[in-house]
């Protein structure tokens, strides 16, 4: 990937997360990135194409980080599902945490026909499927049900932390997740 393309993508990611997607204009992105509109449009046909790429990269980066954490901590599926919220809490507690792109984007683009909303919805489903896979590997009977419950806890806690850092929402979501996971493992 071109260094300049990466800089535009990184700048847009930061601005979208801190200022909002709709509040961040192309002029602002190119000014902060130290480039021109012509260069931005060379790499990203439209602002929408840039937004979609930001969403894809943000989710890939988070998923890669989470996969590495889970795979380096244990090989046992039951341990991985138990550690999931420990790592999510670590991520949310880090100074670099600025929210979850697909949650913010879905709020800014509520029309279900919009490609940005559709990608956000798809990423939410994919994360739920990831949790379901972990639960299935841990021999949990209702893996999809548990995945839905845990993804609701995750999204709710993230939303609360985006609104007020240090709210404690993740701590309580983690406690609730442990109860749900323990109950699902026993049945």
Protein backbone atom coordinates (compact mmCIF):
# COMPACT_ATOMS: atom_id res chain seq x y z
CA UNK A 1 0.00 0.00 0.00
CA UNK A 2 1.28 3.45 -0.89
CA UNK A 3 2.55 5.50 2.04
CA UNK A 4 0.33 8.42 1.03
CA UNK A 5 -2.73 6.18 0.65
CA UNK A 6 -2.04 4.73 4.11
CA UNK A 7 -1.69 8.25 5.56
CA UNK A 8 -5.05 9.31 4.07
CA UNK A 9 -6.69 6.15 5.42
CA UNK A 10 -5.15 6.62 8.87
CA UNK A 11 -6.11 10.30 8.98
CA UNK A 12 -9.68 9.57 7.89
CA UNK A 13 -9.97 6.80 10.48
CA UNK A 14 -8.89 9.12 13.27
CA UNK A 15 -11.08 12.02 12.15
CA UNK A 16 -14.15 9.83 11.58
CA UNK A 17 -13.80 8.29 15.03
CA UNK A 18 -13.16 11.56 16.87
CA UNK A 19 -15.30 14.04 14.90
CA UNK A 20 -17.88 11.82 13.24
CA UNK A 21 -18.10 10.71 9.64
CA UNK A 22 -20.68 13.21 8.45
CA UNK A 23 -18.93 16.07 10.30
CA UNK A 24 -15.60 15.32 8.64
CA UNK A 25 -15.30 16.76 5.16
CA UNK A 26 -12.83 15.79 2.49
CA UNK A 27 -11.18 19.23 2.85
CA UNK A 28 -10.46 18.47 6.51
CA UNK A 29 -9.04 15.02 5.70
CA UNK A 30 -6.66 16.30 3.04
CA UNK A 31 -5.56 19.26 5.21
CA UNK A 32 -4.70 17.01 8.16
CA UNK A 33 -3.09 14.38 5.90
CA UNK A 34 -1.06 17.07 4.15
CA UNK A 35 -2.23 16.15 0.67
CA UNK A 36 -4.72 17.28 -1.97
CA UNK A 37 -8.23 16.31 -2.97
CA UNK A 38 -6.89 15.06 -6.29
CA UNK A 39 -4.58 12.66 -4.45
CA UNK A 40 -7.35 11.49 -2.13
CA UNK A 41 -9.63 10.80 -5.10
CA UNK A 42 -6.78 9.00 -6.88
CA UNK A 43 -6.84 6.38 -4.12
CA UNK A 44 -10.53 6.56 -3.11
CA UNK A 45 -13.09 7.22 -5.85
CA UNK A 46 -15.55 8.86 -3.44
CA UNK A 47 -15.84 9.77 0.22
CA UNK A 48 -18.16 6.76 0.56
CA UNK A 49 -15.41 4.47 -0.82
CA UNK A 50 -13.03 5.94 1.78
CA UNK A 51 -15.57 5.39 4.57
CA UNK A 52 -16.10 1.77 3.51
CA UNK A 53 -12.36 1.14 3.48
CA UNK A 54 -11.97 2.75 6.91
CA UNK A 55 -14.68 0.44 8.25
CA UNK A 56 -13.09 -2.63 6.69
CA UNK A 57 -9.60 -1.82 7.96
CA UNK A 58 -10.81 -0.91 11.45
CA UNK A 59 -12.66 -4.22 11.80
CA UNK A 60 -9.77 -6.23 10.34
CA UNK A 61 -7.29 -4.58 12.72
CA UNK A 62 -9.49 -5.26 15.75
CA UNK A 63 -10.22 -8.86 14.72
CA UNK A 64 -6.53 -9.53 14.02
CA UNK A 65 -5.57 -8.13 17.44
CA UNK A 66 -8.26 -10.19 19.19
CA UNK A 67 -7.34 -13.39 17.31
CA UNK A 68 -3.69 -12.97 18.28
CA UNK A 69 -4.59 -12.43 21.94
CA UNK A 70 -6.89 -15.45 22.08
CA UNK A 71 -4.55 -17.76 20.16
CA UNK A 72 -1.50 -16.81 22.21
CA UNK A 73 -3.29 -17.31 25.54
CA UNK A 74 -4.72 -20.79 25.09
CA UNK A 75 -5.42 -23.59 22.67
CA UNK A 76 -8.51 -24.77 24.58
CA UNK A 77 -11.75 -23.41 23.09
CA UNK A 78 -13.41 -23.23 26.51
CA UNK A 79 -10.58 -20.99 27.73
CA UNK A 80 -10.85 -18.73 24.68
CA UNK A 81 -14.55 -18.06 25.19
CA UNK A 82 -13.86 -17.33 28.87
CA UNK A 83 -11.03 -14.90 27.98
CA UNK A 84 -12.96 -13.04 25.28
CA UNK A 85 -14.26 -10.27 27.53
CA UNK A 86 -10.94 -9.96 29.37
CA UNK A 87 -9.32 -8.96 26.10
CA UNK A 88 -12.21 -6.75 25.04
CA UNK A 89 -11.92 -4.96 28.40
CA UNK A 90 -8.16 -4.56 27.82
CA UNK A 91 -8.84 -3.07 24.39
CA UNK A 92 -11.54 -0.67 25.64
CA UNK A 93 -9.33 0.40 28.56
CA UNK A 94 -6.38 1.27 26.33
CA UNK A 95 -5.70 4.96 25.70
CA UNK A 96 -5.94 4.29 21.93
CA UNK A 97 -9.57 3.17 22.18
CA UNK A 98 -11.82 5.55 20.27
CA UNK A 99 -14.80 3.31 19.73
CA UNK A 100 -16.02 0.73 17.28
CA UNK A 101 -16.28 2.04 13.75
CA UNK A 102 -19.24 -0.11 12.71
CA UNK A 103 -21.31 1.00 15.71
CA UNK A 104 -20.62 4.68 15.06
CA UNK A 105 -21.16 4.35 11.30
CA UNK A 106 -24.49 2.57 11.68
CA UNK A 107 -25.72 5.45 13.87
CA UNK A 108 -24.63 8.06 11.32
CA UNK A 109 -26.08 6.12 8.38
CA UNK A 110 -29.34 4.62 9.70
CA UNK A 111 -30.90 3.94 6.27
CA UNK A 112 -30.66 0.17 5.80
CA UNK A 113 -30.21 0.62 2.04
CA UNK A 114 -27.06 2.68 2.48
CA UNK A 115 -23.85 0.73 1.70
CA UNK A 116 -22.18 2.10 4.84
CA UNK A 117 -25.04 0.89 7.02
CA UNK A 118 -25.03 -2.45 5.21
CA UNK A 119 -21.29 -2.95 5.84
CA UNK A 120 -21.72 -1.93 9.48
CA UNK A 121 -24.53 -4.44 9.89
CA UNK A 122 -22.46 -7.13 8.18
CA UNK A 123 -19.52 -6.47 10.52
CA UNK A 124 -21.79 -6.76 13.54
CA UNK A 125 -23.06 -10.11 12.22
CA UNK A 126 -19.53 -11.30 11.50
CA UNK A 127 -18.44 -10.51 15.04
CA UNK A 128 -21.45 -12.40 16.38
CA UNK A 129 -20.52 -15.34 14.10
CA UNK A 130 -16.97 -15.19 15.47
CA UNK A 131 -18.35 -15.51 19.01
CA UNK A 132 -20.68 -18.30 17.89
CA UNK A 133 -17.70 -20.18 16.41
CA UNK A 134 -15.82 -19.84 19.71
CA UNK A 135 -18.90 -21.10 21.57
CA UNK A 136 -19.37 -24.02 19.15
CA UNK A 137 -15.72 -25.02 19.56
CA UNK A 138 -16.24 -24.89 23.34
CA UNK A 139 -19.14 -27.41 22.91
CA UNK A 140 -21.82 -24.95 23.97
CA UNK A 141 -25.20 -26.25 22.78
CA UNK A 142 -26.88 -22.92 21.99
CA UNK A 143 -23.80 -21.27 20.53
CA UNK A 144 -25.83 -18.82 18.43
CA UNK A 145 -27.96 -17.78 21.40
CA UNK A 146 -24.89 -17.19 23.55
CA UNK A 147 -23.22 -15.30 20.71
CA UNK A 148 -26.21 -12.98 20.41
CA UNK A 149 -26.23 -12.35 24.16
CA UNK A 150 -22.48 -11.67 24.26
CA UNK A 151 -22.53 -9.44 21.20
CA UNK A 152 -25.32 -7.39 22.79
CA UNK A 153 -23.19 -7.00 25.92
CA UNK A 154 -20.18 -6.06 23.81
CA UNK A 155 -22.01 -3.48 21.69
CA UNK A 156 -23.81 -1.99 24.68
CA UNK A 157 -20.65 -1.68 26.76
CA UNK A 158 -18.74 -0.18 23.85
CA UNK A 159 -21.52 2.34 23.27
CA UNK A 160 -21.50 3.31 26.95
CA UNK A 161 -17.70 3.70 26.92
CA UNK A 162 -17.85 5.78 23.74
CA UNK A 163 -20.33 8.08 25.44
CA UNK A 164 -18.45 8.25 28.76
CA UNK A 165 -14.94 6.88 29.13
CA UNK A 166 -14.43 4.99 32.37
CA UNK A 167 -18.17 4.45 32.88
CA UNK A 168 -17.58 0.96 34.24
CA UNK A 169 -19.91 -0.51 31.63
CA UNK A 170 -17.28 -2.96 30.42
CA UNK A 171 -16.63 -4.23 33.93
CA UNK A 172 -20.33 -5.05 34.36
CA UNK A 173 -20.64 -6.45 30.84
CA UNK A 174 -17.67 -8.72 31.60
CA UNK A 175 -19.35 -9.94 34.81
CA UNK A 176 -22.60 -10.61 32.96
CA UNK A 177 -20.70 -12.39 30.16
CA UNK A 178 -19.03 -14.68 32.69
CA UNK A 179 -22.41 -15.64 34.15
CA UNK A 180 -23.81 -16.31 30.67
CA UNK A 181 -20.77 -18.31 29.57
CA UNK A 182 -20.62 -20.36 32.78
CA UNK A 183 -24.33 -21.12 32.49
CA UNK A 184 -23.99 -22.11 28.83
CA UNK A 185 -21.02 -24.39 29.53
CA UNK A 186 -22.95 -26.24 32.27
CA UNK A 187 -25.96 -27.02 30.05
